Amino acid sequence: MSFMAPPVWLQEDAEIRALLHAIVDRFDRQPADARQRHVSVPAERHLPTLARVDAQADQCWALVRQLEQLGVLSVRGARSVARRNPLDPQWIGAKLAFPLESEPVLRKWLGREWLEPASALWRQAVQAHAKSFALEGEALLARRIDIPARSAAEVVAAFSRIANVSGPTTLRQLSAAVFWGDSKVLDDRGELITALFPDLVVLERPLVVSVFLPEACNGVLFIENQDTYTTGVRGIPAQCRDLALVYAAGFRSAAVRVRSRSGSLLHYAGSGVATGREPFERWWYDSGSAPGPCWFWGDLDFAGMQILKSLRSRFATLGAWQPGYQPMLEALRRLGGYAQTVSGEDPAQVDPGLTGCPYADDFLLPAIRECGHRDQESPQGSAAGT
């Protein structure tokens, strides 16, 4: 379709301009390999004036017909004759079909420059560096990575530079080396790196676990939140003073590698380190005898219960710590809690169903479902005053 000047009325008719912008948006959303298709939309949905069935509606339809005469679109009547009454206006049930050839004309009229779809640019970039990757980068083709202020070509070129790295290396070190000093790009992308560079030795980043050992240790208490852990180190609440306290930032303590010497690093504090470290590590790493009962204390919410459930897959006898949870439970029932949408950061707030701990399953989870959530740091819900 050769270029033609826009109708003189187009600049003044906001409704039809909005229709044409919507059509260009639809063209933009089409995959590159599907751009041979036309775009078809219901006339009445995109031109609200037609619902009035008055002189203004007639005028709107006359302008549509002008666009049809220019070849920008074609009008397709209602498919079902039964849907039409002989007295109905022509636009009832009609669709407006815009052929692919009309796209450059609409873009010129509207000042909408065509931008190549991001998926096509990503494919071109990967293909340009295909020889740097295993299986010519199939894994990267299926997983587009967006980095602010960097083009697809720059991002893929950075990935290709990994081919020149000789391991062993951690993901953080590797990321900083090739992604302009940013060490976090490859976080949670270890499987992608393995697929692209199967011969590269990538070291697992050890989990750092804080352990406080009292002089007399009669059990182990895993604590979800840092503030509560540091309070516990000071002996608050009193019931935790003879327990080894463990802090590993929530779900990290439930990772598979947390009980392997290569996958975790235990950092110790407390008066019992000199005598308690060796037996603690025999239990933690070598299936030795536990220092006593194992407990977990965290937020009174679904995420906390999910951590408890996950921890039980690493520490089978672990249960919810009643001296910590009971005051929180009573406060939740007395004062209520907050809904999971309050903080806006709750992708982990999914009901775990059952944790395997009777106290959690019979008392804590039913209260959460009925009354909402309550954080471990809440002054009304902690056991800090005991």
Protein backbone atom coordinates (compact mmCIF):
# COMPACT_ATOMS: atom_id res chain seq x y z
CA MET A 1 0.00 0.00 0.00
CA SER A 2 1.61 3.27 -1.13
CA PHE A 3 1.77 6.19 1.24
CA MET A 4 -1.26 8.47 1.37
CA ALA A 5 -1.97 11.58 3.35
CA PRO A 6 -4.25 11.14 6.38
CA PRO A 7 -7.86 12.33 6.11
CA VAL A 8 -8.16 15.99 7.02
CA TRP A 9 -10.55 15.14 9.87
CA LEU A 10 -8.33 12.53 11.56
CA GLN A 11 -6.49 14.97 13.81
CA GLU A 12 -9.79 16.22 15.21
CA ASP A 13 -11.49 12.84 15.77
CA ALA A 14 -10.07 11.48 19.03
CA GLU A 15 -12.26 8.36 18.96
CA ILE A 16 -11.08 7.08 15.59
CA ARG A 17 -7.47 8.02 16.43
CA ALA A 18 -7.79 5.91 19.58
CA LEU A 19 -9.08 3.04 17.43
CA LEU A 20 -6.09 3.29 15.08
CA HIS A 21 -3.65 3.46 18.03
CA ALA A 22 -5.25 0.30 19.41
CA ILE A 23 -4.73 -1.41 16.06
CA VAL A 24 -1.05 -0.44 15.99
CA ASP A 25 -0.73 -1.78 19.54
CA ARG A 26 -2.18 -5.08 18.33
CA PHE A 27 0.35 -5.20 15.48
CA ASP A 28 3.15 -4.56 18.00
CA ARG A 29 2.04 -7.50 20.12
CA GLN A 30 2.12 -9.96 17.23
CA PRO A 31 5.16 -12.25 17.18
CA ALA A 32 7.53 -11.56 14.32
CA ASP A 33 6.59 -14.83 12.62
CA ALA A 34 2.88 -14.01 12.78
CA ARG A 35 2.92 -10.55 11.26
CA GLN A 36 1.39 -11.82 8.03
CA ARG A 37 -1.98 -11.83 9.79
CA HIS A 38 -4.50 -9.03 9.71
CA VAL A 39 -5.97 -7.47 12.83
CA SER A 40 -9.73 -7.60 13.33
CA VAL A 41 -11.75 -5.87 16.06
CA PRO A 42 -15.47 -5.39 16.83
CA ALA A 43 -16.55 -1.96 15.66
CA GLU A 44 -18.87 -1.22 18.59
CA ARG A 45 -16.27 -2.11 21.23
CA HIS A 46 -13.74 0.41 19.94
CA LEU A 47 -16.12 3.15 18.80
CA PRO A 48 -18.46 3.94 21.73
CA THR A 49 -20.30 6.61 19.71
CA LEU A 50 -21.95 3.84 17.68
CA ALA A 51 -23.96 2.82 20.74
CA ARG A 52 -25.89 6.08 20.54
CA VAL A 53 -27.61 5.20 17.23
CA ASP A 54 -28.08 8.86 16.37
CA ALA A 55 -26.70 11.42 13.96
CA GLN A 56 -23.28 11.35 15.64
CA ALA A 57 -23.18 7.56 15.28
CA ASP A 58 -24.07 7.91 11.59
CA GLN A 59 -21.25 10.45 11.18
CA CYS A 60 -18.77 8.13 12.95
CA TRP A 61 -19.73 5.26 10.67
CA ALA A 62 -19.38 7.49 7.60
CA LEU A 63 -15.78 8.21 8.62
CA VAL A 64 -15.12 4.48 9.01
CA ARG A 65 -16.43 3.97 5.51
CA GLN A 66 -14.02 6.63 4.26
CA LEU A 67 -11.16 4.67 5.76
CA GLU A 68 -12.49 1.61 3.98
CA GLN A 69 -12.47 3.47 0.66
CA LEU A 70 -8.83 4.41 1.31
CA GLY A 71 -8.02 0.71 1.74
CA VAL A 72 -6.91 1.05 5.36
CA LEU A 73 -9.57 -1.36 6.59
CA SER A 74 -12.48 -3.49 5.44
CA VAL A 75 -15.87 -3.81 7.09
CA ARG A 76 -17.15 -7.29 7.74
CA GLY A 77 -20.82 -7.62 8.61
CA ALA A 78 -22.23 -9.80 11.37
CA ARG A 79 -21.60 -13.46 10.57
CA SER A 80 -24.96 -14.59 11.78
CA VAL A 81 -27.93 -13.21 9.89
CA ALA A 82 -30.04 -14.08 12.93
CA ARG A 83 -28.12 -11.52 14.91
CA ARG A 84 -29.33 -8.69 12.68
CA ASN A 85 -32.65 -6.96 12.40
CA PRO A 86 -33.31 -5.44 8.95
CA LEU A 87 -33.77 -2.09 10.68
CA ASP A 88 -30.48 -2.31 12.60
CA PRO A 89 -27.66 0.08 11.65
CA GLN A 90 -24.93 -1.41 9.46
CA TRP A 91 -22.40 -1.43 12.29
CA ILE A 92 -24.35 -3.79 14.55
CA GLY A 93 -22.17 -6.90 14.91
CA ALA A 94 -19.70 -5.61 12.33
CA LYS A 95 -15.93 -6.11 12.56
CA LEU A 96 -13.19 -3.86 11.25
CA ALA A 97 -10.35 -5.79 9.61
CA PHE A 98 -6.99 -4.07 9.12
CA PRO A 99 -4.65 -5.83 6.64
CA LEU A 100 -0.93 -6.02 7.36
CA GLU A 101 -0.36 -3.58 4.50
CA SER A 102 -2.15 -0.87 6.46
CA GLU A 103 0.36 -0.97 9.34
CA PRO A 104 3.01 1.39 7.85
CA VAL A 105 0.26 3.82 6.77
CA LEU A 106 -1.23 3.92 10.27
CA ARG A 107 2.20 4.38 11.82
CA LYS A 108 2.91 7.32 9.53
CA TRP A 109 -0.46 8.92 10.26
CA LEU A 110 -0.04 8.50 14.02
CA GLY A 111 3.70 9.15 14.29
CA ARG A 112 4.27 5.63 15.66
CA GLU A 113 7.73 4.37 14.72
CA TRP A 114 7.97 0.59 14.37
CA LEU A 115 10.20 -1.07 16.93
CA GLU A 116 11.35 -4.62 16.43
CA PRO A 117 9.78 -6.89 19.09
CA ALA A 118 12.04 -7.65 22.04
CA SER A 119 11.74 -11.39 21.42
CA ALA A 120 13.05 -10.99 17.85
CA LEU A 121 15.98 -8.85 19.00
CA TRP A 122 16.82 -11.45 21.67
CA ARG A 123 16.73 -14.26 19.10
CA GLN A 124 19.03 -12.35 16.76
CA ALA A 125 21.48 -11.63 19.57
CA VAL A 126 21.63 -15.28 20.68
CA GLN A 127 22.07 -16.49 17.12
CA ALA A 128 24.97 -14.07 16.64
CA HIS A 129 26.84 -15.74 19.54
CA ALA A 130 25.45 -19.27 19.14
CA LYS A 131 28.90 -20.89 18.85
CA SER A 132 29.78 -19.71 22.36
CA PHE A 133 27.04 -21.82 23.96
CA ALA A 134 26.21 -25.50 24.25
CA LEU A 135 23.48 -26.58 21.81
CA GLU A 136 23.86 -23.16 20.13
CA GLY A 137 22.21 -21.42 23.04
CA GLU A 138 18.84 -23.20 23.07
CA ALA A 139 18.51 -22.58 26.82
CA LEU A 140 19.17 -18.85 26.35
CA LEU A 141 16.70 -18.58 23.47
CA ALA A 142 13.98 -19.84 25.80
CA ARG A 143 14.85 -17.44 28.62
CA ARG A 144 15.17 -13.77 27.74
CA ILE A 145 17.10 -11.78 30.38
CA ASP A 146 16.32 -8.08 30.78
CA ILE A 147 18.94 -5.81 32.35
CA PRO A 148 18.07 -2.10 32.70
CA ALA A 149 19.94 0.22 30.31
CA ARG A 150 21.46 -2.76 28.44
CA SER A 151 20.40 -3.96 25.00
CA ALA A 152 19.73 -7.58 24.11
CA ALA A 153 22.98 -7.62 22.12
CA GLU A 154 24.97 -6.38 25.13
CA VAL A 155 23.39 -8.92 27.51
CA VAL A 156 23.97 -11.89 25.21
CA ALA A 157 27.52 -10.75 24.48
CA ALA A 158 28.14 -10.72 28.24
CA PHE A 159 26.85 -14.30 28.49
CA SER A 160 29.12 -15.31 25.62
CA ARG A 161 32.16 -14.02 27.53
CA ILE A 162 31.60 -16.77 30.10
CA ALA A 163 33.03 -19.17 27.49
CA ASN A 164 36.44 -17.62 28.19
CA VAL A 165 36.22 -18.09 31.97
CA SER A 166 38.20 -20.96 33.48
CA GLY A 167 36.64 -22.25 36.68
CA PRO A 168 36.10 -23.10 39.37
CA THR A 169 34.10 -19.99 40.25
CA THR A 170 30.98 -19.01 42.14
CA LEU A 171 27.95 -17.53 40.42
CA ARG A 172 28.55 -14.19 42.15
CA GLN A 173 32.19 -14.09 40.99
CA LEU A 174 31.20 -15.11 37.47
CA SER A 175 28.45 -12.50 37.30
CA ALA A 176 30.75 -9.69 38.45
CA ALA A 177 33.39 -10.74 35.92
CA VAL A 178 31.18 -10.54 32.82
CA PHE A 179 28.20 -8.32 33.72
CA TRP A 180 29.95 -4.97 34.23
CA GLY A 181 30.77 -5.61 37.89
CA ASP A 182 27.21 -6.60 38.86
CA SER A 183 27.53 -9.73 41.01
CA LYS A 184 23.81 -10.49 41.29
CA VAL A 185 22.72 -11.02 37.66
CA LEU A 186 23.20 -14.79 37.86
CA ASP A 187 21.47 -15.29 41.20
CA ASP A 188 18.92 -18.12 40.74
CA ARG A 189 20.28 -18.77 37.24
CA GLY A 190 22.68 -21.58 38.04
CA GLU A 191 20.73 -24.10 35.94
CA LEU A 192 20.90 -21.76 32.94
CA ILE A 193 24.68 -21.45 33.26
CA THR A 194 25.03 -25.23 33.53
CA ALA A 195 22.94 -25.67 30.37
CA LEU A 196 24.97 -23.10 28.43
CA PHE A 197 28.42 -24.10 29.74
CA PRO A 198 28.25 -27.72 30.97
CA ASP A 199 32.05 -27.98 31.40
CA LEU A 200 32.36 -24.92 33.63
CA VAL A 201 32.84 -25.78 37.31
CA VAL A 202 30.55 -23.52 39.33
CA LEU A 203 31.01 -23.63 43.09
CA GLU A 204 27.98 -23.48 45.33
CA ARG A 205 27.99 -20.36 47.45
CA PRO A 206 28.13 -21.58 51.06
CA LEU A 207 25.20 -20.65 53.27
CA VAL A 208 26.34 -18.64 56.29
CA VAL A 209 24.63 -19.89 59.44
CA SER A 210 24.92 -18.08 62.77
CA VAL A 211 25.05 -20.36 65.82
CA PHE A 212 25.01 -19.22 69.44
CA LEU A 213 26.11 -21.91 71.90
CA PRO A 214 25.34 -21.43 75.62
CA GLU A 215 27.57 -23.00 78.24
CA ALA A 216 24.92 -25.62 79.03
CA CYS A 217 23.06 -26.73 75.89
CA ASN A 218 19.81 -28.68 76.21
CA GLY A 219 18.37 -28.32 72.72
CA VAL A 220 18.40 -26.29 69.50
CA LEU A 221 16.12 -23.40 68.54
CA PHE A 222 15.99 -22.20 64.92
CA ILE A 223 14.89 -18.54 64.78
CA GLU A 224 13.48 -17.01 61.60
CA ASN A 225 14.20 -13.30 62.08
CA GLN A 226 17.47 -11.54 62.86
CA ASP A 227 16.07 -9.15 65.47
CA THR A 228 14.61 -12.02 67.46
CA TYR A 229 17.85 -14.00 67.16
CA THR A 230 19.93 -11.14 68.56
CA THR A 231 17.41 -10.71 71.39
CA GLY A 232 17.64 -14.43 72.10
CA VAL A 233 21.43 -14.18 72.30
CA ARG A 234 20.87 -11.72 75.17
CA GLY A 235 18.75 -14.34 76.95
CA ILE A 236 15.27 -13.03 76.09
CA PRO A 237 12.97 -14.87 76.50
CA ALA A 238 14.39 -16.76 79.46
CA GLN A 239 13.20 -20.14 78.11
CA CYS A 240 15.84 -20.01 75.34
CA ARG A 241 18.86 -19.48 77.60
CA ASP A 242 19.90 -23.14 77.64
CA LEU A 243 19.27 -23.67 73.90
CA ALA A 244 21.67 -23.42 70.97
CA LEU A 245 20.26 -20.65 68.78
CA VAL A 246 20.48 -20.91 64.99
CA TYR A 247 19.83 -18.12 62.48
CA ALA A 248 20.09 -18.57 58.71
CA ALA A 249 17.58 -16.03 57.32
CA GLY A 250 14.35 -17.90 56.89
CA PHE A 251 14.15 -20.41 54.03
CA ARG A 252 17.95 -20.62 53.59
CA SER A 253 18.23 -22.84 56.66
CA ALA A 254 16.05 -25.40 54.87
CA ALA A 255 18.26 -25.63 51.76
CA VAL A 256 19.59 -29.07 50.84
CA ARG A 257 23.23 -27.98 51.20
CA VAL A 258 22.81 -26.51 54.67
CA ARG A 259 23.93 -29.79 56.29
CA SER A 260 26.95 -30.36 54.04
CA ARG A 261 30.41 -29.05 54.92
CA SER A 262 30.91 -27.65 51.40
CA GLY A 263 27.49 -26.04 51.31
CA SER A 264 27.37 -24.17 54.60
CA LEU A 265 29.62 -22.23 56.93
CA LEU A 266 28.78 -22.13 60.64
CA HIS A 267 29.73 -18.96 62.50
CA TYR A 268 29.79 -19.35 66.29
CA ALA A 269 29.29 -17.14 69.29
CA GLY A 270 28.54 -17.77 72.96
CA SER A 271 30.26 -19.04 76.05
CA GLY A 272 29.81 -22.69 75.04
CA VAL A 273 31.79 -22.58 71.77
CA ALA A 274 34.99 -24.08 73.17
CA THR A 275 33.32 -27.27 74.40
CA GLY A 276 30.15 -27.34 72.32
CA ARG A 277 31.35 -26.70 68.79
CA GLU A 278 32.67 -30.20 68.05
CA PRO A 279 29.58 -32.15 69.23
CA PHE A 280 27.31 -29.60 67.51
CA GLU A 281 29.08 -30.14 64.17
CA ARG A 282 29.00 -33.92 64.60
CA TRP A 283 25.23 -33.63 64.81
CA TRP A 284 24.88 -30.99 62.08
CA TYR A 285 27.17 -32.57 59.49
CA ASP A 286 27.79 -36.19 60.47
CA SER A 287 24.44 -37.51 61.78
CA GLY A 288 25.67 -37.50 65.37
CA SER A 289 23.43 -37.15 68.41
CA ALA A 290 21.41 -33.95 68.66
CA PRO A 291 22.13 -31.63 71.62
CA GLY A 292 18.49 -32.15 72.65
CA PRO A 293 15.02 -31.39 71.22
CA CYS A 294 14.94 -29.21 68.09
CA TRP A 295 12.51 -26.31 67.74
CA PHE A 296 11.58 -23.56 65.32
CA TRP A 297 10.28 -20.08 66.16
CA GLY A 298 9.32 -17.57 63.48
CA ASP A 299 6.48 -15.38 62.25
CA LEU A 300 2.96 -16.57 62.90
CA ASP A 301 2.03 -16.66 59.23
CA PHE A 302 1.87 -19.10 56.34
CA ALA A 303 5.48 -18.38 55.31
CA GLY A 304 6.68 -19.17 58.84
CA MET A 305 4.74 -22.42 58.81
CA GLN A 306 6.19 -23.27 55.39
CA ILE A 307 9.71 -22.72 56.77
CA LEU A 308 8.84 -25.08 59.63
CA LYS A 309 7.62 -27.67 57.14
CA SER A 310 10.75 -27.29 54.99
CA LEU A 311 13.08 -27.46 57.98
CA ARG A 312 11.50 -30.74 59.01
CA SER A 313 12.81 -32.23 55.75
CA ARG A 314 16.36 -31.47 57.01
CA PHE A 315 15.78 -31.90 60.77
CA ALA A 316 13.06 -34.52 61.09
CA THR A 317 12.25 -34.14 64.79
CA LEU A 318 11.92 -30.36 64.72
CA GLY A 319 8.67 -28.77 65.99
CA ALA A 320 7.16 -25.33 66.62
CA TRP A 321 8.52 -23.79 69.85
CA GLN A 322 5.54 -23.34 72.13
CA PRO A 323 7.13 -20.85 74.61
CA GLY A 324 7.62 -18.46 71.69
CA TYR A 325 4.47 -19.14 69.71
CA GLN A 326 1.93 -19.36 72.53
CA PRO A 327 2.09 -15.64 73.48
CA MET A 328 1.85 -14.77 69.78
CA LEU A 329 -1.13 -17.08 69.36
CA GLU A 330 -2.93 -15.52 72.32
CA ALA A 331 -2.24 -12.00 71.00
CA LEU A 332 -3.46 -12.99 67.54
CA ARG A 333 -6.75 -14.26 68.96
CA ARG A 334 -7.11 -11.25 71.27
CA LEU A 335 -5.96 -8.42 69.00
CA GLY A 336 -6.28 -9.87 65.52
CA GLY A 337 -3.63 -9.92 62.81
CA TYR A 338 -2.97 -8.40 59.43
CA ALA A 339 -4.01 -9.72 56.04
CA GLN A 340 -1.27 -11.06 53.80
CA THR A 341 -1.76 -8.16 51.36
CA VAL A 342 -0.72 -5.45 53.85
CA SER A 343 3.03 -5.42 53.18
CA GLY A 344 2.74 -6.26 49.49
CA GLU A 345 5.66 -8.72 49.66
CA ASP A 346 3.97 -12.06 50.23
CA PRO A 347 4.70 -14.45 47.35
CA ALA A 348 5.58 -17.06 50.02
CA GLN A 349 2.30 -16.66 51.89
CA VAL A 350 0.68 -19.85 50.70
CA ASP A 351 -1.09 -22.14 53.15
CA PRO A 352 1.23 -25.16 53.57
CA GLY A 353 -1.68 -27.42 54.53
CA LEU A 354 0.09 -29.54 57.14
CA THR A 355 3.60 -29.15 58.54
CA GLY A 356 3.85 -32.47 60.35
CA CYS A 357 4.13 -30.72 63.74
CA PRO A 358 0.98 -31.41 65.80
CA TYR A 359 1.12 -28.10 67.69
CA ALA A 360 1.44 -26.11 64.46
CA ASP A 361 -1.18 -28.13 62.59
CA ASP A 362 -3.77 -28.23 65.37
CA PHE A 363 -3.39 -24.74 66.83
CA LEU A 364 -1.20 -22.32 64.88
CA LEU A 365 -2.41 -22.88 61.32
CA PRO A 366 -6.14 -22.82 62.20
CA ALA A 367 -5.59 -19.49 64.01
CA ILE A 368 -3.72 -18.01 61.03
CA ARG A 369 -6.53 -19.05 58.68
CA GLU A 370 -9.13 -17.50 60.94
CA CYS A 371 -7.41 -14.39 62.33
CA GLY A 372 -4.59 -13.44 59.94
CA HIS A 373 -0.86 -13.04 60.42
CA ARG A 374 1.34 -11.76 63.22
CA ASP A 375 5.06 -11.06 63.04
CA GLN A 376 7.60 -12.49 65.46
CA GLU A 377 8.89 -8.99 66.29
CA SER A 378 5.44 -7.76 67.37
CA PRO A 379 5.72 -6.59 71.01
CA GLN A 380 2.25 -7.91 71.84
CA GLY A 381 3.09 -11.27 70.33
CA SER A 382 6.64 -11.94 71.48
CA ALA A 383 7.67 -13.64 74.66
CA ALA A 384 10.09 -10.83 75.46
CA GLY A 385 8.47 -10.01 78.74
CA THR A 386 8.69 -13.48 80.20
